N, C-alpha and C. Protein backbone atom coordinates (compact mmCIF):
# COMPACT_ATOMS: atom_id res chain seq x y z
N MET A 1 0.70 -1.19 -0.09
CA MET A 1 -0.44 0.19 0.37
C MET A 1 0.96 1.08 0.41
N SER A 2 0.56 2.24 -0.67
CA SER A 2 1.14 3.12 -0.68
C SER A 2 1.08 4.36 0.01
N ASP A 3 1.90 5.32 0.10
CA ASP A 3 1.58 6.39 1.36
C ASP A 3 0.47 7.05 0.95
N GLU A 4 0.48 7.37 -0.91
CA GLU A 4 -0.80 8.01 -1.18
C GLU A 4 -2.09 7.36 -0.50
N ASP A 5 -2.52 5.93 -0.63
CA ASP A 5 -3.66 5.42 -0.26
C ASP A 5 -3.51 5.26 1.11
N ILE A 6 -2.67 5.28 2.23
CA ILE A 6 -2.16 5.47 3.49
C ILE A 6 -2.96 6.71 3.84
N ASP A 7 -2.91 7.61 3.17
CA ASP A 7 -2.94 9.33 3.94
C ASP A 7 -4.73 9.02 3.64
N THR A 8 -4.93 8.75 2.48
CA THR A 8 -6.57 8.48 1.62
C THR A 8 -7.51 7.93 3.00
N PHE A 9 -6.80 6.48 2.83
CA PHE A 9 -7.43 5.71 4.56
C PHE A 9 -7.68 7.09 5.10
N SER A 10 -6.15 6.85 6.14
CA SER A 10 -6.25 7.79 7.19
C SER A 10 -7.85 8.93 7.36
N ASP A 11 -7.32 9.97 6.62
CA ASP A 11 -8.57 11.16 5.42
C ASP A 11 -9.86 10.38 6.07
N PHE A 12 -10.08 9.24 4.96
CA PHE A 12 -11.80 8.72 5.38
C PHE A 12 -11.75 8.75 6.78
N ILE A 13 -11.07 7.86 7.50
CA ILE A 13 -11.14 7.55 8.58
C ILE A 13 -11.69 8.66 10.09
N ARG A 14 -10.69 9.67 9.19
CA ARG A 14 -11.03 11.25 10.07
C ARG A 14 -12.37 11.26 10.13
N ARG A 15 -12.62 11.52 8.65
CA ARG A 15 -14.33 12.33 8.65
C ARG A 15 -15.01 11.08 8.42
N VAL A 16 -14.89 9.92 8.55
CA VAL A 16 -16.07 9.00 9.53
C VAL A 16 -15.88 9.43 11.12
N ARG A 17 -15.35 9.30 11.55
CA ARG A 17 -15.31 10.40 12.99
C ARG A 17 -15.66 11.52 13.49
N ALA A 18 -15.43 12.38 12.39
CA ALA A 18 -16.08 13.53 12.76
C ALA A 18 -17.37 13.36 12.17
N GLY A 19 -18.20 12.78 11.66
CA GLY A 19 -19.56 12.34 11.38
C GLY A 19 -19.96 12.62 9.92
N ASP A 20 -18.41 12.62 9.04
CA ASP A 20 -19.11 13.73 8.39
C ASP A 20 -20.71 12.05 7.52
N GLY A 21 -21.55 12.83 6.96
CA GLY A 21 -22.28 12.31 6.45
C GLY A 21 -22.26 11.39 5.06
N GLN A 22 -21.46 12.06 4.36
CA GLN A 22 -20.96 12.09 2.72
C GLN A 22 -20.01 10.32 2.78
N ALA A 23 -19.03 10.67 4.11
CA ALA A 23 -17.85 9.21 4.51
C ALA A 23 -18.92 8.11 5.05
N ALA A 24 -20.31 8.34 5.93
CA ALA A 24 -20.58 7.65 6.16
C ALA A 24 -21.12 6.06 4.91
N ALA A 25 -22.01 7.64 4.26
CA ALA A 25 -22.94 7.01 3.34
C ALA A 25 -21.66 5.93 2.37
N GLU A 26 -20.25 6.33 1.94
CA GLU A 26 -19.63 5.74 1.41
C GLU A 26 -19.14 4.16 2.36
N MET A 27 -19.01 4.38 3.37
CA MET A 27 -18.50 3.28 4.36
C MET A 27 -19.01 2.42 4.06
N VAL A 28 -20.50 2.61 4.26
CA VAL A 28 -21.53 1.48 4.06
C VAL A 28 -21.99 0.54 2.83
N ARG A 29 -21.94 2.08 1.56
CA ARG A 29 -21.78 1.85 0.72
C ARG A 29 -20.77 0.54 0.27
N ARG A 30 -19.52 0.85 0.51
CA ARG A 30 -18.33 -0.23 0.47
C ARG A 30 -18.18 -1.54 1.09
N TYR A 31 -18.83 -1.32 2.71
CA TYR A 31 -19.08 -2.75 3.42
C TYR A 31 -19.71 -2.86 3.97
N GLU A 32 -21.51 -2.54 3.45
CA GLU A 32 -21.95 -3.39 4.14
C GLU A 32 -22.29 -4.40 4.03
N PRO A 33 -21.93 -4.98 1.89
CA PRO A 33 -21.75 -6.45 1.40
C PRO A 33 -21.42 -7.31 1.65
N LEU A 34 -19.66 -6.69 2.43
CA LEU A 34 -18.97 -7.81 2.94
C LEU A 34 -19.67 -8.25 3.85
N ILE A 35 -20.08 -7.60 4.80
CA ILE A 35 -20.86 -7.56 6.78
C ILE A 35 -22.19 -8.29 6.27
N ARG A 36 -22.92 -8.45 5.23
CA ARG A 36 -23.94 -9.37 5.38
C ARG A 36 -23.58 -10.66 4.54
N ARG A 37 -22.59 -10.25 4.01
CA ARG A 37 -21.82 -11.81 3.52
C ARG A 37 -21.48 -12.72 4.63
N GLU A 38 -20.52 -12.50 5.13
CA GLU A 38 -20.39 -12.81 6.38
C GLU A 38 -20.81 -12.89 7.11
N VAL A 39 -22.38 -12.52 7.24
CA VAL A 39 -22.90 -13.16 8.31
C VAL A 39 -24.03 -13.95 7.67
N ARG A 40 -24.45 -13.97 6.19
CA ARG A 40 -24.59 -15.57 5.79
C ARG A 40 -24.00 -16.43 5.47
N LEU A 41 -22.71 -16.24 5.36
CA LEU A 41 -21.95 -17.49 5.53
C LEU A 41 -21.72 -18.16 6.59
N ARG A 42 -21.91 -17.51 7.84
CA ARG A 42 -21.84 -18.13 9.08
C ARG A 42 -22.98 -18.52 9.88
N THR A 43 -23.96 -17.89 9.46
CA THR A 43 -24.98 -18.44 9.57
C THR A 43 -24.78 -19.82 9.85
N GLU A 44 -25.25 -20.87 10.42
CA GLU A 44 -25.04 -22.33 10.56
C GLU A 44 -26.39 -22.90 10.81
N ASP A 45 -27.06 -22.13 11.91
CA ASP A 45 -28.55 -22.89 11.77
C ASP A 45 -29.34 -21.82 11.05
N ARG A 46 -29.97 -22.60 9.86
CA ARG A 46 -31.38 -22.52 8.90
C ARG A 46 -31.78 -21.54 9.61
N ARG A 47 -32.49 -22.54 10.73
CA ARG A 47 -33.61 -22.14 11.46
C ARG A 47 -33.71 -20.52 11.69
N LEU A 48 -32.70 -19.76 12.22
CA LEU A 48 -32.37 -18.36 12.50
C LEU A 48 -32.43 -18.05 11.60
N GLU A 49 -32.82 -17.69 9.87
CA GLU A 49 -32.76 -17.16 9.44
C GLU A 49 -34.42 -16.96 9.27
N ARG A 50 -35.39 -16.86 9.63
CA ARG A 50 -36.02 -16.98 10.08
C ARG A 50 -37.04 -15.63 11.12
N VAL A 51 -36.00 -15.94 12.08
CA VAL A 51 -36.03 -14.56 13.39
C VAL A 51 -35.62 -13.63 13.03
N PHE A 52 -34.60 -13.29 12.39
CA PHE A 52 -33.44 -12.51 11.79
C PHE A 52 -33.00 -11.91 10.32
N ASP A 53 -32.54 -11.26 10.48
CA ASP A 53 -32.40 -10.82 8.61
C ASP A 53 -30.05 -10.22 8.72
N SER A 54 -29.87 -10.71 7.97
CA SER A 54 -28.31 -10.36 8.21
C SER A 54 -28.21 -8.62 8.25
N MET A 55 -29.80 -7.75 7.75
CA MET A 55 -29.31 -6.75 7.54
C MET A 55 -29.22 -6.11 9.37
N ASP A 56 -30.35 -6.91 9.95
CA ASP A 56 -30.40 -6.42 11.81
C ASP A 56 -28.70 -6.26 11.97
N VAL A 57 -28.17 -7.39 11.72
CA VAL A 57 -26.34 -7.94 12.35
C VAL A 57 -26.07 -6.25 11.59
N CYS A 58 -26.13 -6.12 10.33
CA CYS A 58 -25.59 -5.47 9.17
C CYS A 58 -25.68 -4.02 10.72
N GLN A 59 -26.78 -3.88 10.06
CA GLN A 59 -27.05 -2.90 11.23
C GLN A 59 -26.35 -2.42 12.79
N SER A 60 -26.32 -3.37 13.05
CA SER A 60 -26.14 -3.33 14.67
C SER A 60 -24.24 -2.81 14.64
N VAL A 61 -23.40 -3.56 13.67
CA VAL A 61 -22.12 -3.62 13.05
C VAL A 61 -22.12 -2.17 13.10
N LEU A 62 -22.71 -1.29 11.93
CA LEU A 62 -22.80 -0.20 11.10
C LEU A 62 -23.15 0.74 12.74
N ALA A 63 -24.18 0.57 13.14
CA ALA A 63 -24.07 1.63 14.06
C ALA A 63 -22.93 1.71 15.17
N SER A 64 -23.14 0.39 15.96
CA SER A 64 -21.95 0.37 16.80
C SER A 64 -20.30 0.90 16.50
N PHE A 65 -20.07 0.41 14.85
CA PHE A 65 -18.71 0.94 14.47
C PHE A 65 -18.62 2.43 14.69
N PHE A 66 -19.82 3.61 13.93
CA PHE A 66 -20.31 4.26 14.04
C PHE A 66 -19.44 5.25 15.52
N VAL A 67 -20.21 4.55 16.19
CA VAL A 67 -20.17 5.36 17.24
C VAL A 67 -18.91 5.58 17.54
N ARG A 68 -18.55 4.39 18.45
CA ARG A 68 -17.12 3.98 18.46
C ARG A 68 -16.05 4.57 17.98
N THR A 69 -16.56 4.22 16.24
CA THR A 69 -14.90 5.38 15.64
C THR A 69 -15.45 6.84 16.11
N ALA A 70 -16.31 7.80 16.06
CA ALA A 70 -16.69 8.63 16.31
C ALA A 70 -15.98 9.21 17.90
N ALA A 71 -15.74 8.17 18.66
CA ALA A 71 -15.24 8.34 20.37
C ALA A 71 -13.56 8.24 19.92
N GLY A 72 -13.24 7.91 19.01
CA GLY A 72 -11.95 7.51 19.25
C GLY A 72 -11.20 6.46 19.85
N GLN A 73 -12.12 4.93 19.62
CA GLN A 73 -11.84 4.36 20.12
C GLN A 73 -10.52 3.07 19.01
N TYR A 74 -10.69 3.01 17.97
CA TYR A 74 -10.16 2.70 17.38
C TYR A 74 -9.03 3.14 16.56
N ASP A 75 -8.36 2.29 16.17
CA ASP A 75 -6.95 2.98 15.40
C ASP A 75 -6.53 2.38 14.73
N LEU A 76 -6.80 3.12 13.42
CA LEU A 76 -6.93 1.73 12.02
C LEU A 76 -6.02 2.87 11.10
N ASP A 77 -5.25 1.71 10.81
CA ASP A 77 -4.22 2.68 9.40
C ASP A 77 -4.47 2.36 8.06
N ARG A 78 -5.20 1.20 8.06
CA ARG A 78 -5.17 0.17 6.89
C ARG A 78 -6.73 -0.16 6.56
N PRO A 79 -7.12 -0.01 5.21
CA PRO A 79 -8.26 -0.76 5.12
C PRO A 79 -8.59 -2.07 5.46
N ASP A 80 -7.23 -3.27 5.25
CA ASP A 80 -7.14 -4.73 5.78
C ASP A 80 -7.75 -4.32 7.26
N GLN A 81 -7.06 -3.45 8.48
CA GLN A 81 -7.75 -3.24 9.64
C GLN A 81 -8.80 -3.25 9.54
N LEU A 82 -9.44 -2.38 9.31
CA LEU A 82 -11.20 -1.40 8.43
C LEU A 82 -12.16 -3.13 8.29
N VAL A 83 -11.74 -3.91 7.28
CA VAL A 83 -12.21 -5.18 7.24
C VAL A 83 -12.41 -6.37 8.12
N GLY A 84 -10.76 -6.16 9.11
CA GLY A 84 -11.03 -6.99 9.68
C GLY A 84 -11.95 -7.09 11.01
N LEU A 85 -11.93 -6.15 11.32
CA LEU A 85 -13.07 -5.58 12.70
C LEU A 85 -14.10 -5.34 12.59
N LEU A 86 -14.93 -5.34 11.42
CA LEU A 86 -15.76 -5.12 10.59
C LEU A 86 -16.51 -6.28 10.50
N VAL A 87 -15.33 -7.85 10.04
CA VAL A 87 -15.53 -9.31 10.16
C VAL A 87 -16.09 -9.65 11.59
N THR A 88 -15.28 -8.86 12.54
CA THR A 88 -14.73 -9.90 14.15
C THR A 88 -15.80 -9.47 14.82
N MET A 89 -16.58 -7.81 14.54
CA MET A 89 -17.75 -7.64 14.56
C MET A 89 -19.19 -8.18 14.49
N ALA A 90 -18.99 -8.35 13.20
CA ALA A 90 -20.48 -8.77 12.89
C ALA A 90 -20.02 -10.68 13.41
N ARG A 91 -18.73 -11.64 13.14
CA ARG A 91 -19.18 -12.75 13.95
C ARG A 91 -19.79 -12.59 15.44
N ASN A 92 -18.87 -11.87 16.13
CA ASN A 92 -19.31 -11.36 16.82
C ASN A 92 -20.83 -10.91 17.42
N LYS A 93 -21.54 -10.44 16.68
CA LYS A 93 -22.93 -10.07 17.01
C LYS A 93 -23.46 -11.26 16.46
N LEU A 94 -23.47 -12.20 15.03
CA LEU A 94 -23.92 -12.96 14.69
C LEU A 94 -24.36 -14.17 15.59
N ALA A 95 -22.54 -14.18 16.86
CA ALA A 95 -22.97 -15.43 17.54
C ALA A 95 -23.41 -14.93 19.14
N ALA A 96 -23.83 -13.95 19.20
CA ALA A 96 -24.04 -13.35 20.68
C ALA A 96 -26.41 -13.37 20.05
N THR A 97 -26.71 -12.65 18.67
CA THR A 97 -27.78 -13.28 18.17
C THR A 97 -28.50 -14.39 18.12
N ALA A 98 -26.88 -16.21 17.72
CA ALA A 98 -27.80 -16.95 17.83
C ALA A 98 -27.94 -16.92 19.35
N ARG A 99 -26.88 -16.76 20.44
CA ARG A 99 -27.12 -17.44 21.48
C ARG A 99 -28.02 -16.70 22.18
N GLN A 100 -28.60 -15.78 21.93
CA GLN A 100 -30.07 -14.66 22.47
C GLN A 100 -31.45 -15.50 22.20
N GLN A 101 -31.08 -16.07 20.53
CA GLN A 101 -32.55 -17.08 20.17
C GLN A 101 -33.12 -18.05 20.80
N TYR A 102 -31.42 -19.11 21.15
CA TYR A 102 -31.93 -20.10 21.52
C TYR A 102 -32.35 -19.90 23.63
N ARG A 103 -31.68 -18.66 24.24
CA ARG A 103 -31.77 -19.47 25.40
C ARG A 103 -33.14 -18.74 25.38
N GLN A 104 -33.45 -17.78 24.46
CA GLN A 104 -35.54 -17.54 24.84
C GLN A 104 -35.91 -18.56 24.52
N ARG A 105 -35.31 -20.05 23.80
CA ARG A 105 -35.89 -20.47 23.18
C ARG A 105 -36.91 -20.42 22.63
N ARG A 106 -36.70 -19.94 21.82
CA ARG A 106 -37.88 -18.92 20.70
C ARG A 106 -38.16 -20.41 19.71
N ASP A 107 -39.43 -20.56 19.40
CA ASP A 107 -39.56 -21.58 18.02
C ASP A 107 -39.73 -21.02 16.70
N THR A 108 -38.68 -21.12 16.11
CA THR A 108 -37.94 -20.55 15.37
C THR A 108 -39.49 -20.84 14.09
N ARG A 109 -40.22 -21.73 14.12
CA ARG A 109 -41.20 -22.34 12.94
C ARG A 109 -42.05 -21.17 13.63
N ARG A 110 -42.43 -20.97 14.89
CA ARG A 110 -43.58 -20.08 14.12
C ARG A 110 -43.24 -18.40 13.91
N GLN A 111 -41.76 -17.98 13.72
CA GLN A 111 -42.02 -16.22 13.65
C GLN A 111 -42.27 -16.78 11.74
N ALA A 112 -42.76 -14.63 11.75
CA ALA A 112 -43.08 -14.55 10.44
C ALA A 112 -41.54 -14.67 9.83
N GLY A 113 -41.75 -14.91 8.10
CA GLY A 113 -40.28 -14.96 7.96
C GLY A 113 -40.61 -15.93 7.03
N ASP A 114 -39.56 -15.67 5.66
CA ASP A 114 -39.34 -16.93 5.00
C ASP A 114 -38.25 -17.00 4.37
N GLY A 115 -37.23 -16.79 5.30
CA GLY A 115 -35.50 -16.94 4.58
C GLY A 115 -35.04 -15.61 4.47
N ALA A 116 -35.20 -14.79 5.56
CA ALA A 116 -35.22 -13.37 5.03
C ALA A 116 -33.42 -13.32 4.99
N LEU A 117 -32.64 -14.13 4.91
CA LEU A 117 -30.80 -13.84 5.02
C LEU A 117 -30.76 -14.79 3.00
N ASP A 118 -31.57 -14.39 2.47
CA ASP A 118 -31.07 -14.63 1.29
C ASP A 118 -30.34 -13.43 0.74
N GLY A 119 -30.64 -12.17 1.30
CA GLY A 119 -30.23 -11.15 0.45
C GLY A 119 -30.91 -9.63 0.07
N ARG A 120 -32.34 -9.88 0.63
CA ARG A 120 -33.05 -8.97 0.57
C ARG A 120 -32.81 -8.22 1.36
N PRO A 121 -33.22 -6.52 1.11
CA PRO A 121 -32.79 -5.74 2.63
C PRO A 121 -34.20 -6.14 3.07
N ALA A 122 -33.65 -5.66 4.54
CA ALA A 122 -34.36 -5.85 5.54
C ALA A 122 -35.23 -4.57 5.17
N ALA A 123 -36.70 -5.20 5.99
CA ALA A 123 -37.60 -3.87 5.79
C ALA A 123 -37.31 -2.23 6.54
N GLY A 124 -37.47 -1.25 6.61
CA GLY A 124 -37.00 -0.44 7.35
C GLY A 124 -36.00 0.63 6.66
N PRO A 125 -35.54 1.81 7.56
CA PRO A 125 -34.31 2.45 7.13
C PRO A 125 -33.41 1.56 6.63
N SER A 126 -32.91 2.19 5.80
CA SER A 126 -31.04 1.83 5.20
C SER A 126 -30.02 1.79 6.07
N PRO A 127 -29.31 0.91 6.43
CA PRO A 127 -28.18 1.32 7.20
C PRO A 127 -27.49 3.61 6.74
N SER A 128 -27.51 3.40 5.96
CA SER A 128 -27.06 5.08 6.28
C SER A 128 -28.02 6.37 6.65
N ALA A 129 -29.29 5.81 6.71
CA ALA A 129 -30.58 6.34 7.33
C ALA A 129 -29.87 6.14 8.83
N GLU A 130 -29.63 5.17 8.98
CA GLU A 130 -29.95 4.40 10.35
C GLU A 130 -28.93 4.98 11.39
N VAL A 131 -27.53 4.86 10.53
CA VAL A 131 -26.23 5.34 11.70
C VAL A 131 -25.40 6.65 10.68
N ALA A 132 -25.56 7.36 9.43
CA ALA A 132 -25.23 8.21 9.42
C ALA A 132 -25.49 9.21 10.06
N GLY A 133 -26.70 9.02 10.39
CA GLY A 133 -26.83 10.78 11.05
C GLY A 133 -26.23 11.28 11.91
N ARG A 134 -25.86 12.63 12.51
CA ARG A 134 -25.56 13.12 13.30
C ARG A 134 -26.29 13.29 14.48
N GLU A 135 -27.72 12.50 14.26
CA GLU A 135 -28.20 12.34 16.03
C GLU A 135 -27.54 11.49 17.14
N LEU A 136 -27.34 10.21 16.13
CA LEU A 136 -26.81 9.45 16.66
C LEU A 136 -25.89 9.77 17.65
N LEU A 137 -24.53 10.14 17.20
CA LEU A 137 -23.61 10.56 17.71
C LEU A 137 -24.18 11.50 18.74
N GLU A 138 -24.79 12.76 18.53
CA GLU A 138 -24.83 14.03 19.57
C GLU A 138 -25.67 12.28 20.46
N ARG A 139 -25.77 11.53 20.97
CA ARG A 139 -27.40 11.19 22.23
C ARG A 139 -25.67 10.72 22.07
N PHE A 140 -24.45 10.33 21.46
CA PHE A 140 -23.81 8.99 21.95
C PHE A 140 -23.61 10.04 23.07
N ARG A 141 -22.89 11.66 22.79
CA ARG A 141 -21.82 12.27 22.99
C ARG A 141 -22.77 12.62 24.16
N ALA A 142 -23.75 13.36 24.32
CA ALA A 142 -24.41 13.18 25.58
C ALA A 142 -24.73 12.27 26.25
N GLY A 143 -24.43 10.53 26.70
CA GLY A 143 -24.19 9.91 27.37
C GLY A 143 -22.59 9.50 27.92
N LEU A 144 -22.15 10.79 27.84
CA LEU A 144 -20.48 10.83 28.18
C LEU A 144 -20.20 12.00 29.14
N SER A 145 -19.26 12.08 30.08
CA SER A 145 -18.90 12.76 30.94
C SER A 145 -18.13 13.94 30.53
N ASP A 146 -17.71 15.05 31.15
CA ASP A 146 -17.27 16.13 30.22
C ASP A 146 -15.45 15.07 30.26
N GLU A 147 -15.23 14.62 31.43
CA GLU A 147 -13.97 13.69 30.71
C GLU A 147 -13.99 13.19 29.83
N GLU A 148 -14.81 12.11 29.44
CA GLU A 148 -15.04 11.21 28.60
C GLU A 148 -14.85 12.07 27.20
N ARG A 149 -15.61 13.19 27.08
CA ARG A 149 -16.47 13.97 25.91
C ARG A 149 -14.35 14.74 25.69
N ARG A 150 -13.58 15.11 26.59
CA ARG A 150 -12.58 15.26 26.55
C ARG A 150 -11.26 14.57 25.99
N LEU A 151 -11.78 12.93 26.73
CA LEU A 151 -10.33 12.81 25.42
C LEU A 151 -11.26 12.20 24.32
N VAL A 152 -12.78 12.23 23.76
CA VAL A 152 -12.44 12.39 22.46
C VAL A 152 -12.82 13.04 21.62
N GLU A 153 -12.90 14.84 22.37
CA GLU A 153 -12.27 15.28 21.76
C GLU A 153 -10.16 15.47 21.02
N LEU A 154 -10.02 14.77 21.81
CA LEU A 154 -8.49 15.04 21.68
C LEU A 154 -8.11 13.71 20.52
N ARG A 155 -8.91 12.34 20.48
CA ARG A 155 -8.32 12.36 19.82
C ARG A 155 -8.94 11.89 18.13
N ASN A 156 -10.06 12.70 18.62
CA ASN A 156 -10.88 13.34 17.36
C ASN A 156 -10.01 14.24 16.16
N ASP A 157 -9.14 14.66 17.56
CA ASP A 157 -7.73 15.79 16.49
C ASP A 157 -6.81 15.46 16.49
N GLY A 158 -6.47 13.74 17.05
CA GLY A 158 -5.59 13.13 15.92
C GLY A 158 -3.68 12.68 16.93
N LEU A 159 -4.34 13.24 18.45
CA LEU A 159 -3.70 12.48 18.86
C LEU A 159 -3.58 11.31 19.72
N THR A 160 -2.63 10.53 19.98
CA THR A 160 -1.78 9.52 20.16
C THR A 160 -2.74 9.60 21.24
N TRP A 161 -2.41 8.44 22.47
CA TRP A 161 -2.87 8.00 24.07
C TRP A 161 -1.59 8.54 24.71
N PRO A 162 -0.56 8.30 24.56
CA PRO A 162 0.75 8.99 24.90
C PRO A 162 0.63 10.80 25.15
N GLU A 163 0.10 10.78 23.91
CA GLU A 163 -0.01 12.25 24.06
C GLU A 163 -1.07 13.23 24.50
N ILE A 164 -2.10 12.50 24.84
CA ILE A 164 -3.79 12.40 25.32
C ILE A 164 -2.97 12.52 26.78
N ALA A 165 -2.39 11.17 27.55
CA ALA A 165 -2.11 10.94 29.38
C ALA A 165 -0.82 12.62 29.00
N ALA A 166 0.48 12.66 28.35
CA ALA A 166 1.15 13.72 28.80
C ALA A 166 0.27 14.88 28.96
N GLN A 167 -1.33 15.36 28.31
CA GLN A 167 -1.72 16.51 28.24
C GLN A 167 -2.87 16.40 29.74
N ILE A 168 -3.68 15.56 29.76
CA ILE A 168 -4.49 15.69 30.91
C ILE A 168 -3.40 14.75 31.99
N GLY A 169 -2.85 13.64 32.30
CA GLY A 169 -2.33 13.10 33.13
C GLY A 169 -3.41 11.53 32.93
N GLY A 170 -2.56 10.95 34.11
CA GLY A 170 -2.42 9.40 33.48
C GLY A 170 -1.75 8.61 32.87
N THR A 171 -1.93 7.30 32.35
CA THR A 171 -1.22 6.72 31.90
C THR A 171 -2.11 6.11 30.49
N PRO A 172 -1.37 6.06 29.05
CA PRO A 172 -2.08 6.21 28.17
C PRO A 172 -3.05 5.26 28.54
N GLN A 173 -2.77 3.34 28.50
CA GLN A 173 -2.69 2.94 28.83
C GLN A 173 -4.27 2.56 29.92
N ALA A 174 -4.47 3.51 30.92
CA ALA A 174 -6.00 3.40 31.37
C ALA A 174 -6.44 4.71 30.65
N ARG A 175 -6.27 5.63 29.95
CA ARG A 175 -6.71 6.74 29.00
C ARG A 175 -7.41 5.86 28.18
N ARG A 176 -7.20 5.11 27.60
CA ARG A 176 -7.38 4.01 26.49
C ARG A 176 -9.19 3.12 26.77
N VAL A 177 -8.45 2.58 28.13
CA VAL A 177 -9.23 2.37 28.89
C VAL A 177 -10.67 2.45 28.70
N GLN A 178 -10.60 3.88 29.54
CA GLN A 178 -11.33 4.69 30.49
C GLN A 178 -12.54 4.74 29.15
N LEU A 179 -12.01 5.13 28.01
CA LEU A 179 -12.61 5.27 26.73
C LEU A 179 -13.19 4.44 25.98
N ALA A 180 -12.76 3.22 26.63
CA ALA A 180 -13.14 1.83 25.82
C ALA A 180 -14.60 1.30 26.42
N ARG A 181 -14.47 1.93 27.99
CA ARG A 181 -15.44 1.61 29.00
C ARG A 181 -16.72 2.16 29.45
N ALA A 182 -15.92 3.76 28.84
CA ALA A 182 -17.42 4.78 28.00
C ALA A 182 -18.18 4.37 26.98
N ALA A 183 -16.93 4.23 26.04
CA ALA A 183 -18.25 3.56 25.28
C ALA A 183 -18.83 2.67 24.57
N ASP A 184 -18.32 1.25 25.51
CA ASP A 184 -19.11 0.45 26.22
C ASP A 184 -20.91 0.81 26.72
N ARG A 185 -20.60 1.69 27.70
CA ARG A 185 -21.22 1.95 29.17
C ARG A 185 -22.84 3.11 28.09
N VAL A 186 -21.82 3.45 27.35
CA VAL A 186 -23.22 4.24 26.86
C VAL A 186 -23.14 3.78 25.48
N ALA A 187 -22.60 2.50 24.19
CA ALA A 187 -23.40 2.05 23.28
C ALA A 187 -24.59 0.79 24.17
N ARG A 188 -24.61 0.67 24.76
CA ARG A 188 -25.46 -0.29 25.53
C ARG A 188 -26.61 0.38 26.26
N GLU A 189 -26.72 1.53 26.77
CA GLU A 189 -28.03 2.63 26.85
C GLU A 189 -28.45 2.72 25.84
N LEU A 190 -27.57 3.03 24.89
CA LEU A 190 -28.28 3.34 23.81
C LEU A 190 -28.67 2.17 22.93
N GLY A 191 -28.61 0.92 23.12
CA GLY A 191 -29.04 0.08 22.52
C GLY A 191 -28.77 -0.32 21.36
N LEU A 192 -27.51 0.05 21.46
CA LEU A 192 -26.34 -0.07 19.77
C LEU A 192 -26.14 -1.81 20.41
N ASP A 193 -26.05 -1.79 21.68
CA ASP A 193 -24.90 -3.86 21.73
C ASP A 193 -26.18 -4.59 21.80
N ASP A 194 -27.52 -4.42 21.65
CA ASP A 194 -28.28 -5.39 22.15
C ASP A 194 -28.29 -6.69 21.12
N LEU A 195 -27.23 -6.75 20.05
CA LEU A 195 -27.27 -8.15 19.80
C LEU A 195 -25.76 -8.94 20.13
N ALA A 196 -24.78 -7.16 20.23
CA ALA A 196 -24.03 -8.83 21.27
C ALA A 196 -22.95 -7.47 21.46
N ASP A 197 -22.06 -7.49 22.25
CA ASP A 197 -20.74 -6.36 22.35
C ASP A 197 -19.95 -7.45 21.72
N ASP A 198 -19.12 -6.03 21.01
CA ASP A 198 -17.75 -5.82 20.22
C ASP A 198 -17.05 -6.76 20.86
């Protein structure tokens, strides 16, 4: 990968982190098919196709990714890192969804639908409409404390964890963990991780 490609990708991630609607739409356009394909390929129990759609998992992955990226939680330097992260998130959310269905012992024969994982879009808003809006990011940021919002601002300004720790105190690892825990907490409060934790 050339330096120019790395710079272009870094700019793209900066725009996504800043809540840029065009970058979010581009992200969905590029990576939604990958996520949905991963879900379809990994669904081993075909009875689950009746109770959720690959789009459900995809929307959950993208929503979680957008807010966590906006919070500065992920350090992504190359497209292959982004692909790996999205695939891992999709697998985790799919596994958690399957566990949830089995735990609730739902009779999938009584669920409406007839194989929604066949690639048809789910009813309702598109992932770009669901996750690209600033409202979701504003709600996420509103759930953070002042100190946590400061961490997000510094990450969005491009500071590394050692630079952040030098500026506001603590260790780089402690500040990184603080933000990760805050992102987990607010994501749960907003229902972004209903299908699974990342």
